[in-house]
Structure formats: structure tokens, C-alpha cells
């Protein structure tokens, strides 16, 4: 399922958030949240996360220190969430800190995952003029890897 859209909401005083319904359906009952790149959080369904680990890390060579470090940092920041009766999930403090979340958050669909951003970081990241946006689209359309 292609995940897309931008949704604005807030984290509550007990560090709980809601995943927008249009995105939540694709994530299943207990989504997995981990530190993402660029100061955001990545959210995957458990199935997608298991597939990612199975394909990306199945043949990990634990003698390569950089790969082992990356795997440790990735898995240690990963949490499986559970909704409360009001449909909220608790964000751990280490993930809140990583994402710089204070109050306002932006949740986006990012193709195969959901991303959670502090509103300030998202606005700074996504603040492109039309030329910058056009350049981003050209990179997507480019067949060069």
C-alpha cells in the first residue's frame, strides 16, 4: 500500500500521539517506531519491519564493525507500540528527543512507511521554492542511482 499525505496534530502531556486513520490502517495493530534519518521517526508495520530485517540483515557479517554498529543502533531504538483505548500510542522519550518533538507534530506518508516529524523540523526540511521542488522531482525520475 502506498502511504501518502501530510497530517498536523499534537503530542499530549503524557507523550502520546495518534496516527492518522488513513495511515494507521496500513500499519496494522502494533506499528514499529524507530529513529529515522534527518531527525524524524520512521513507522512501519510489523510485517514490513520483519521483511526489511530479513532481507537487509539476514546475511550480516558481524565482523564488520560499521555494519554491526548500525544494526545495534537501529534495533536499540526500535519499539513495538500498542494503542490505548482512545487510539493513542506512547512515544518513548529517546524517540521524542531524537525527533525534537515539543508539541506540534507532522505525520506524513512516505511511500512505504510513515514518518513523524516535529513541526519545526518538517517545515525547515520541506521549505523548498519551486526550483528546489523541481530538482527533487528530477532526482526521483532519474534512472541513475
N, C-alpha and C. Protein backbone atom coordinates (compact mmCIF):
# COMPACT_ATOMS: atom_id res chain seq x y z
N UNK A 1 0.84 -1.18 0.00
CA UNK A 1 0.00 0.00 0.00
C UNK A 1 0.88 1.24 0.00
N UNK A 2 0.56 2.17 -0.85
CA UNK A 2 1.30 3.43 -0.95
C UNK A 2 0.82 4.38 0.14
N UNK A 3 1.73 4.82 0.98
CA UNK A 3 1.39 5.74 2.05
C UNK A 3 1.72 7.15 1.63
N UNK A 4 0.77 8.06 1.80
CA UNK A 4 0.99 9.45 1.39
C UNK A 4 0.11 10.39 2.20
N UNK A 5 0.41 11.66 2.11
CA UNK A 5 -0.36 12.68 2.81
C UNK A 5 0.44 13.32 3.92
N UNK A 6 -0.05 14.46 4.37
CA UNK A 6 0.57 15.23 5.45
C UNK A 6 -0.51 15.58 6.46
N UNK A 7 -0.25 15.30 7.72
CA UNK A 7 -1.24 15.49 8.78
C UNK A 7 -0.60 16.21 9.96
N UNK A 8 -1.30 17.23 10.46
CA UNK A 8 -0.79 18.03 11.57
C UNK A 8 -1.59 17.73 12.83
N UNK A 9 -0.88 17.51 13.92
CA UNK A 9 -1.54 17.26 15.20
C UNK A 9 -0.54 17.53 16.32
N UNK A 10 -0.86 17.11 17.54
CA UNK A 10 0.00 17.41 18.69
C UNK A 10 0.26 16.16 19.52
N UNK A 11 1.37 16.21 20.23
CA UNK A 11 1.66 15.19 21.23
C UNK A 11 1.05 15.69 22.53
N UNK A 12 0.49 14.80 23.33
CA UNK A 12 -0.13 15.26 24.58
C UNK A 12 0.90 15.29 25.72
N UNK A 13 0.47 15.74 26.88
CA UNK A 13 1.38 15.91 28.02
C UNK A 13 1.95 14.59 28.54
N UNK A 14 1.36 13.47 28.15
CA UNK A 14 1.86 12.16 28.57
C UNK A 14 2.64 11.46 27.45
N UNK A 15 3.05 12.23 26.44
CA UNK A 15 3.87 11.74 25.32
C UNK A 15 3.12 10.76 24.42
N UNK A 16 1.82 10.97 24.25
CA UNK A 16 1.02 10.11 23.39
C UNK A 16 0.63 10.86 22.12
N UNK A 17 0.55 10.11 21.03
CA UNK A 17 0.14 10.67 19.75
C UNK A 17 -0.89 9.76 19.11
N UNK A 18 -1.54 10.27 18.10
CA UNK A 18 -2.44 9.48 17.26
C UNK A 18 -1.84 9.42 15.86
N UNK A 19 -1.87 8.23 15.31
CA UNK A 19 -1.51 8.06 13.89
C UNK A 19 -2.80 8.30 13.11
N UNK A 20 -2.78 9.18 12.11
CA UNK A 20 -3.99 9.43 11.34
C UNK A 20 -4.59 8.14 10.77
N UNK A 21 -5.91 8.07 10.79
CA UNK A 21 -6.62 6.85 10.38
C UNK A 21 -6.22 6.38 8.98
N UNK A 22 -6.02 7.30 8.05
CA UNK A 22 -5.67 6.91 6.68
C UNK A 22 -4.32 6.21 6.62
N UNK A 23 -3.45 6.50 7.56
CA UNK A 23 -2.14 5.85 7.60
C UNK A 23 -2.15 4.63 8.53
N UNK A 24 -2.91 4.73 9.60
CA UNK A 24 -2.93 3.68 10.62
C UNK A 24 -3.40 2.35 10.05
N UNK A 25 -4.35 2.37 9.16
CA UNK A 25 -4.87 1.12 8.58
C UNK A 25 -3.77 0.29 7.94
N UNK A 26 -2.83 0.95 7.28
CA UNK A 26 -1.74 0.24 6.61
C UNK A 26 -0.69 -0.28 7.58
N UNK A 27 -0.65 0.28 8.78
CA UNK A 27 0.37 -0.09 9.75
C UNK A 27 -0.03 -1.27 10.64
N UNK A 28 -1.30 -1.60 10.67
CA UNK A 28 -1.75 -2.71 11.48
C UNK A 28 -1.89 -2.35 12.95
N UNK A 29 -2.09 -3.38 13.75
CA UNK A 29 -2.41 -3.23 15.17
C UNK A 29 -1.29 -2.60 15.99
N UNK A 30 -0.07 -3.04 15.82
CA UNK A 30 1.05 -2.60 16.66
C UNK A 30 2.21 -2.14 15.80
N UNK A 31 2.16 -0.90 15.32
CA UNK A 31 3.25 -0.43 14.46
C UNK A 31 4.58 -0.38 15.20
N UNK A 32 5.64 -0.38 14.42
CA UNK A 32 7.00 -0.35 14.93
C UNK A 32 7.57 1.04 14.64
N UNK A 33 8.13 1.68 15.66
CA UNK A 33 8.68 3.03 15.51
C UNK A 33 10.16 2.99 15.84
N UNK A 34 10.95 3.69 15.02
CA UNK A 34 12.39 3.75 15.24
C UNK A 34 12.94 5.09 14.79
N UNK A 35 14.16 5.37 15.21
CA UNK A 35 14.82 6.60 14.78
C UNK A 35 14.98 6.56 13.27
N UNK A 36 14.63 7.67 12.63
CA UNK A 36 14.78 7.78 11.20
C UNK A 36 15.91 8.73 10.86
N UNK A 37 16.02 9.05 9.61
CA UNK A 37 17.04 9.98 9.14
C UNK A 37 16.50 11.41 9.17
N UNK A 38 17.38 12.36 9.09
CA UNK A 38 17.03 13.78 9.03
C UNK A 38 16.26 14.26 10.25
N UNK A 39 16.37 13.55 11.37
CA UNK A 39 15.71 13.98 12.60
C UNK A 39 14.23 13.65 12.69
N UNK A 40 13.79 12.63 12.00
CA UNK A 40 12.40 12.21 12.10
C UNK A 40 12.33 10.80 12.67
N UNK A 41 11.13 10.28 12.81
CA UNK A 41 10.91 8.90 13.24
C UNK A 41 10.29 8.13 12.08
N UNK A 42 10.71 6.90 11.90
CA UNK A 42 10.11 6.01 10.91
C UNK A 42 9.11 5.11 11.61
N UNK A 43 7.99 4.85 10.93
CA UNK A 43 6.97 3.95 11.46
C UNK A 43 6.65 2.92 10.37
N UNK A 44 6.78 1.65 10.73
CA UNK A 44 6.50 0.55 9.81
C UNK A 44 5.47 -0.39 10.45
N UNK A 45 4.79 -1.14 9.61
CA UNK A 45 4.00 -2.25 10.14
C UNK A 45 5.00 -3.31 10.61
N UNK A 46 4.57 -4.19 11.48
CA UNK A 46 5.46 -5.26 11.93
C UNK A 46 5.88 -6.14 10.76
N UNK A 47 4.96 -6.40 9.85
CA UNK A 47 5.28 -7.22 8.68
C UNK A 47 6.37 -6.57 7.83
N UNK A 48 6.23 -5.27 7.56
CA UNK A 48 7.23 -4.57 6.76
C UNK A 48 8.58 -4.55 7.47
N UNK A 49 8.57 -4.35 8.76
CA UNK A 49 9.82 -4.32 9.53
C UNK A 49 10.49 -5.69 9.51
N UNK A 50 9.72 -6.74 9.71
CA UNK A 50 10.28 -8.09 9.66
C UNK A 50 10.87 -8.40 8.28
N UNK A 51 10.18 -7.97 7.22
CA UNK A 51 10.69 -8.18 5.87
C UNK A 51 11.98 -7.42 5.65
N UNK A 52 12.03 -6.18 6.16
CA UNK A 52 13.23 -5.36 6.00
C UNK A 52 14.41 -6.03 6.69
N UNK A 53 14.20 -6.48 7.93
CA UNK A 53 15.28 -7.13 8.65
C UNK A 53 15.70 -8.42 7.96
N UNK A 54 14.73 -9.18 7.47
CA UNK A 54 15.05 -10.45 6.82
C UNK A 54 15.85 -10.24 5.54
N UNK A 55 15.53 -9.21 4.77
CA UNK A 55 16.23 -9.00 3.51
C UNK A 55 17.52 -8.20 3.67
N UNK A 56 17.52 -7.20 4.51
CA UNK A 56 18.69 -6.32 4.64
C UNK A 56 19.75 -6.88 5.57
N UNK A 57 19.34 -7.62 6.58
CA UNK A 57 20.30 -8.02 7.61
C UNK A 57 20.46 -9.52 7.78
N UNK A 58 19.83 -10.30 6.93
CA UNK A 58 19.88 -11.76 7.09
C UNK A 58 21.31 -12.28 7.01
N UNK A 59 22.11 -11.74 6.14
CA UNK A 59 23.48 -12.20 5.96
C UNK A 59 24.49 -11.20 6.51
N UNK A 60 24.14 -10.56 7.60
CA UNK A 60 25.03 -9.56 8.18
C UNK A 60 26.33 -10.21 8.63
N UNK A 61 27.42 -9.62 8.23
CA UNK A 61 28.74 -10.08 8.65
C UNK A 61 29.11 -9.33 9.93
N UNK A 62 29.00 -10.01 11.05
CA UNK A 62 29.20 -9.37 12.33
C UNK A 62 30.67 -9.04 12.61
N UNK A 63 31.55 -9.39 11.69
CA UNK A 63 32.95 -9.00 11.86
C UNK A 63 33.20 -7.60 11.30
N UNK A 64 32.23 -7.04 10.61
CA UNK A 64 32.36 -5.68 10.07
C UNK A 64 31.76 -4.72 11.09
N UNK A 65 32.63 -4.00 11.78
CA UNK A 65 32.22 -3.16 12.91
C UNK A 65 31.20 -2.10 12.52
N UNK A 66 31.33 -1.50 11.35
CA UNK A 66 30.38 -0.44 10.97
C UNK A 66 28.97 -0.98 10.76
N UNK A 67 28.85 -2.17 10.17
CA UNK A 67 27.54 -2.78 9.98
C UNK A 67 26.93 -3.22 11.31
N UNK A 68 27.76 -3.77 12.16
CA UNK A 68 27.29 -4.21 13.47
C UNK A 68 26.82 -3.01 14.29
N UNK A 69 27.56 -1.91 14.23
CA UNK A 69 27.17 -0.70 14.95
C UNK A 69 25.83 -0.18 14.43
N UNK A 70 25.68 -0.13 13.13
CA UNK A 70 24.43 0.35 12.54
C UNK A 70 23.26 -0.52 12.97
N UNK A 71 23.44 -1.82 12.96
CA UNK A 71 22.37 -2.74 13.36
C UNK A 71 22.02 -2.55 14.83
N UNK A 72 23.04 -2.40 15.68
CA UNK A 72 22.78 -2.18 17.10
C UNK A 72 22.02 -0.89 17.34
N UNK A 73 22.45 0.18 16.69
CA UNK A 73 21.79 1.47 16.88
C UNK A 73 20.36 1.43 16.36
N UNK A 74 20.15 0.77 15.25
CA UNK A 74 18.81 0.67 14.68
C UNK A 74 17.88 -0.13 15.58
N UNK A 75 18.30 -1.30 15.98
CA UNK A 75 17.41 -2.15 16.77
C UNK A 75 17.21 -1.64 18.19
N UNK A 76 18.20 -0.99 18.75
CA UNK A 76 18.04 -0.50 20.13
C UNK A 76 17.07 0.67 20.20
N UNK A 77 16.85 1.36 19.09
CA UNK A 77 15.91 2.49 19.08
C UNK A 77 14.52 2.08 18.63
N UNK A 78 14.31 0.80 18.36
CA UNK A 78 13.04 0.32 17.81
C UNK A 78 12.09 -0.12 18.91
N UNK A 79 10.84 0.35 18.82
CA UNK A 79 9.82 -0.06 19.78
C UNK A 79 8.57 -0.53 19.03
N UNK A 80 7.96 -1.56 19.57
CA UNK A 80 6.66 -2.01 19.08
C UNK A 80 5.62 -1.32 19.95
N UNK A 81 4.69 -0.63 19.31
CA UNK A 81 3.72 0.17 20.05
C UNK A 81 2.40 -0.54 20.22
N UNK A 82 1.64 -0.06 21.17
CA UNK A 82 0.28 -0.54 21.36
C UNK A 82 -0.62 0.66 21.60
N UNK A 83 -1.77 0.65 20.99
CA UNK A 83 -2.74 1.73 21.18
C UNK A 83 -3.45 1.57 22.51
N UNK A 84 -3.77 2.72 23.12
CA UNK A 84 -4.64 2.67 24.28
C UNK A 84 -6.09 2.67 23.80
N UNK A 85 -7.05 2.72 24.70
CA UNK A 85 -8.46 2.65 24.32
C UNK A 85 -8.93 3.84 23.50
N UNK A 86 -8.19 4.95 23.57
CA UNK A 86 -8.54 6.13 22.79
C UNK A 86 -7.77 6.21 21.47
N UNK A 87 -7.04 5.17 21.12
CA UNK A 87 -6.33 5.13 19.85
C UNK A 87 -5.00 5.88 19.85
N UNK A 88 -4.43 6.12 21.02
CA UNK A 88 -3.16 6.83 21.11
C UNK A 88 -2.03 5.83 21.37
N UNK A 89 -0.84 6.21 20.91
CA UNK A 89 0.35 5.40 21.21
C UNK A 89 1.34 6.27 21.97
N UNK A 90 2.08 5.62 22.85
CA UNK A 90 3.06 6.29 23.67
C UNK A 90 4.40 6.32 22.94
N UNK A 91 4.98 7.54 22.83
CA UNK A 91 6.31 7.66 22.26
C UNK A 91 7.34 7.69 23.39
N UNK A 92 8.33 6.82 23.34
CA UNK A 92 9.38 6.86 24.36
C UNK A 92 10.19 8.16 24.29
N UNK A 93 10.75 8.55 25.40
CA UNK A 93 11.49 9.81 25.48
C UNK A 93 12.69 9.86 24.54
N UNK A 94 13.38 8.72 24.35
CA UNK A 94 14.54 8.75 23.44
C UNK A 94 14.12 9.06 22.01
N UNK A 95 12.94 8.62 21.60
CA UNK A 95 12.47 8.92 20.25
C UNK A 95 11.97 10.36 20.15
N UNK A 96 11.32 10.83 21.20
CA UNK A 96 10.88 12.24 21.23
C UNK A 96 12.08 13.16 21.11
N UNK A 97 13.13 12.83 21.85
CA UNK A 97 14.36 13.64 21.82
C UNK A 97 14.99 13.61 20.43
N UNK A 98 15.09 12.41 19.84
CA UNK A 98 15.69 12.28 18.51
C UNK A 98 14.97 13.15 17.48
N UNK A 99 13.65 13.17 17.57
CA UNK A 99 12.85 13.92 16.59
C UNK A 99 12.67 15.39 16.97
N UNK A 100 13.13 15.79 18.15
CA UNK A 100 12.99 17.18 18.56
C UNK A 100 11.55 17.60 18.76
N UNK A 101 10.71 16.66 19.17
CA UNK A 101 9.28 16.95 19.33
C UNK A 101 9.05 17.67 20.65
N UNK A 102 8.33 18.79 20.56
CA UNK A 102 7.94 19.54 21.75
C UNK A 102 6.42 19.48 21.89
N UNK A 103 5.70 19.92 20.90
CA UNK A 103 4.23 19.92 20.96
C UNK A 103 3.61 19.53 19.61
N UNK A 104 3.84 20.37 18.61
CA UNK A 104 3.21 20.15 17.31
C UNK A 104 4.02 19.16 16.48
N UNK A 105 3.31 18.21 15.88
CA UNK A 105 3.96 17.21 15.04
C UNK A 105 3.29 17.14 13.67
N UNK A 106 4.05 16.65 12.73
CA UNK A 106 3.56 16.40 11.38
C UNK A 106 3.82 14.93 11.08
N UNK A 107 2.78 14.24 10.67
CA UNK A 107 2.89 12.84 10.28
C UNK A 107 2.68 12.79 8.78
N UNK A 108 3.61 12.14 8.08
CA UNK A 108 3.49 12.06 6.62
C UNK A 108 3.54 10.60 6.18
N UNK A 109 2.87 10.34 5.07
CA UNK A 109 3.03 9.08 4.39
C UNK A 109 4.23 9.23 3.47
N UNK A 110 5.19 8.31 3.57
CA UNK A 110 6.43 8.42 2.80
C UNK A 110 6.66 7.12 2.02
N UNK A 111 5.75 6.85 1.11
CA UNK A 111 5.79 5.71 0.21
C UNK A 111 5.56 4.39 0.94
N UNK A 112 6.59 3.84 1.59
CA UNK A 112 6.46 2.53 2.22
C UNK A 112 6.44 2.60 3.74
N UNK A 113 6.45 3.80 4.28
CA UNK A 113 6.47 3.99 5.72
C UNK A 113 5.76 5.28 6.08
N UNK A 114 5.52 5.46 7.36
CA UNK A 114 5.02 6.70 7.91
C UNK A 114 6.20 7.38 8.59
N UNK A 115 6.26 8.70 8.52
CA UNK A 115 7.29 9.44 9.23
C UNK A 115 6.63 10.43 10.18
N UNK A 116 7.23 10.58 11.36
CA UNK A 116 6.75 11.53 12.36
C UNK A 116 7.84 12.59 12.53
N UNK A 117 7.45 13.85 12.37
CA UNK A 117 8.38 14.98 12.45
C UNK A 117 7.89 15.99 13.48
N UNK A 118 8.81 16.69 14.10
CA UNK A 118 8.40 17.90 14.81
C UNK A 118 7.97 18.88 13.72
N UNK A 119 6.99 19.70 14.02
CA UNK A 119 6.51 20.65 13.02
C UNK A 119 7.63 21.58 12.55
N UNK A 120 8.47 22.00 13.46
CA UNK A 120 9.56 22.92 13.11
C UNK A 120 10.54 22.26 12.15
N UNK A 121 10.92 21.03 12.45
CA UNK A 121 11.87 20.33 11.56
C UNK A 121 11.25 20.05 10.20
N UNK A 122 9.99 19.65 10.19
CA UNK A 122 9.34 19.37 8.91
C UNK A 122 9.26 20.64 8.06
N UNK A 123 8.85 21.74 8.67
CA UNK A 123 8.75 23.00 7.92
C UNK A 123 10.10 23.42 7.35
N UNK A 124 11.17 23.26 8.13
CA UNK A 124 12.50 23.61 7.64
C UNK A 124 12.92 22.66 6.51
N UNK A 125 12.63 21.38 6.66
CA UNK A 125 13.03 20.39 5.67
C UNK A 125 12.25 20.56 4.36
N UNK A 126 10.96 20.79 4.47
CA UNK A 126 10.09 20.83 3.29
C UNK A 126 9.98 22.22 2.67
N UNK A 127 10.66 23.19 3.22
CA UNK A 127 10.57 24.56 2.73
C UNK A 127 11.41 24.73 1.47
N UNK A 128 10.85 24.34 0.36
CA UNK A 128 11.53 24.44 -0.93
C UNK A 128 10.80 25.44 -1.82
N UNK A 129 11.56 26.22 -2.55
CA UNK A 129 10.93 27.03 -3.58
C UNK A 129 10.62 26.11 -4.76
N UNK A 130 10.01 26.64 -5.79
CA UNK A 130 9.61 25.78 -6.91
C UNK A 130 10.81 25.15 -7.60
N UNK A 131 11.95 25.85 -7.66
CA UNK A 131 13.13 25.28 -8.28
C UNK A 131 13.65 24.09 -7.46
N UNK A 132 13.67 24.23 -6.15
CA UNK A 132 14.11 23.13 -5.29
C UNK A 132 13.19 21.93 -5.40
N UNK A 133 11.89 22.18 -5.48
CA UNK A 133 10.93 21.09 -5.63
C UNK A 133 11.13 20.39 -6.97
N UNK A 134 11.33 21.18 -8.01
CA UNK A 134 11.57 20.60 -9.34
C UNK A 134 12.82 19.72 -9.34
N UNK A 135 13.88 20.15 -8.67
CA UNK A 135 15.11 19.36 -8.58
C UNK A 135 14.86 18.03 -7.87
N UNK A 136 14.06 18.05 -6.81
CA UNK A 136 13.72 16.81 -6.11
C UNK A 136 12.99 15.85 -7.04
N UNK A 137 12.04 16.36 -7.79
CA UNK A 137 11.29 15.51 -8.73
C UNK A 137 12.19 14.92 -9.81
N UNK A 138 13.16 15.71 -10.27
CA UNK A 138 14.09 15.21 -11.28
C UNK A 138 14.91 14.05 -10.73
N UNK A 139 15.28 14.11 -9.46
CA UNK A 139 16.06 13.01 -8.87
C UNK A 139 15.23 11.74 -8.80
N UNK A 140 13.94 11.87 -8.51
CA UNK A 140 13.07 10.69 -8.48
C UNK A 140 12.95 10.09 -9.88
N UNK A 141 12.82 10.96 -10.88
CA UNK A 141 12.62 10.49 -12.26
C UNK A 141 13.91 9.95 -12.89
N UNK A 142 15.06 10.32 -12.34
CA UNK A 142 16.34 9.91 -12.90
C UNK A 142 16.54 8.41 -12.77
N UNK A 143 17.06 7.80 -13.83
CA UNK A 143 17.34 6.36 -13.78
C UNK A 143 18.72 6.09 -13.22
N UNK A 144 19.50 7.14 -13.04
CA UNK A 144 20.83 6.97 -12.45
C UNK A 144 20.69 6.75 -10.96
N UNK A 145 21.39 5.79 -10.44
CA UNK A 145 21.32 5.51 -9.00
C UNK A 145 22.48 6.15 -8.30
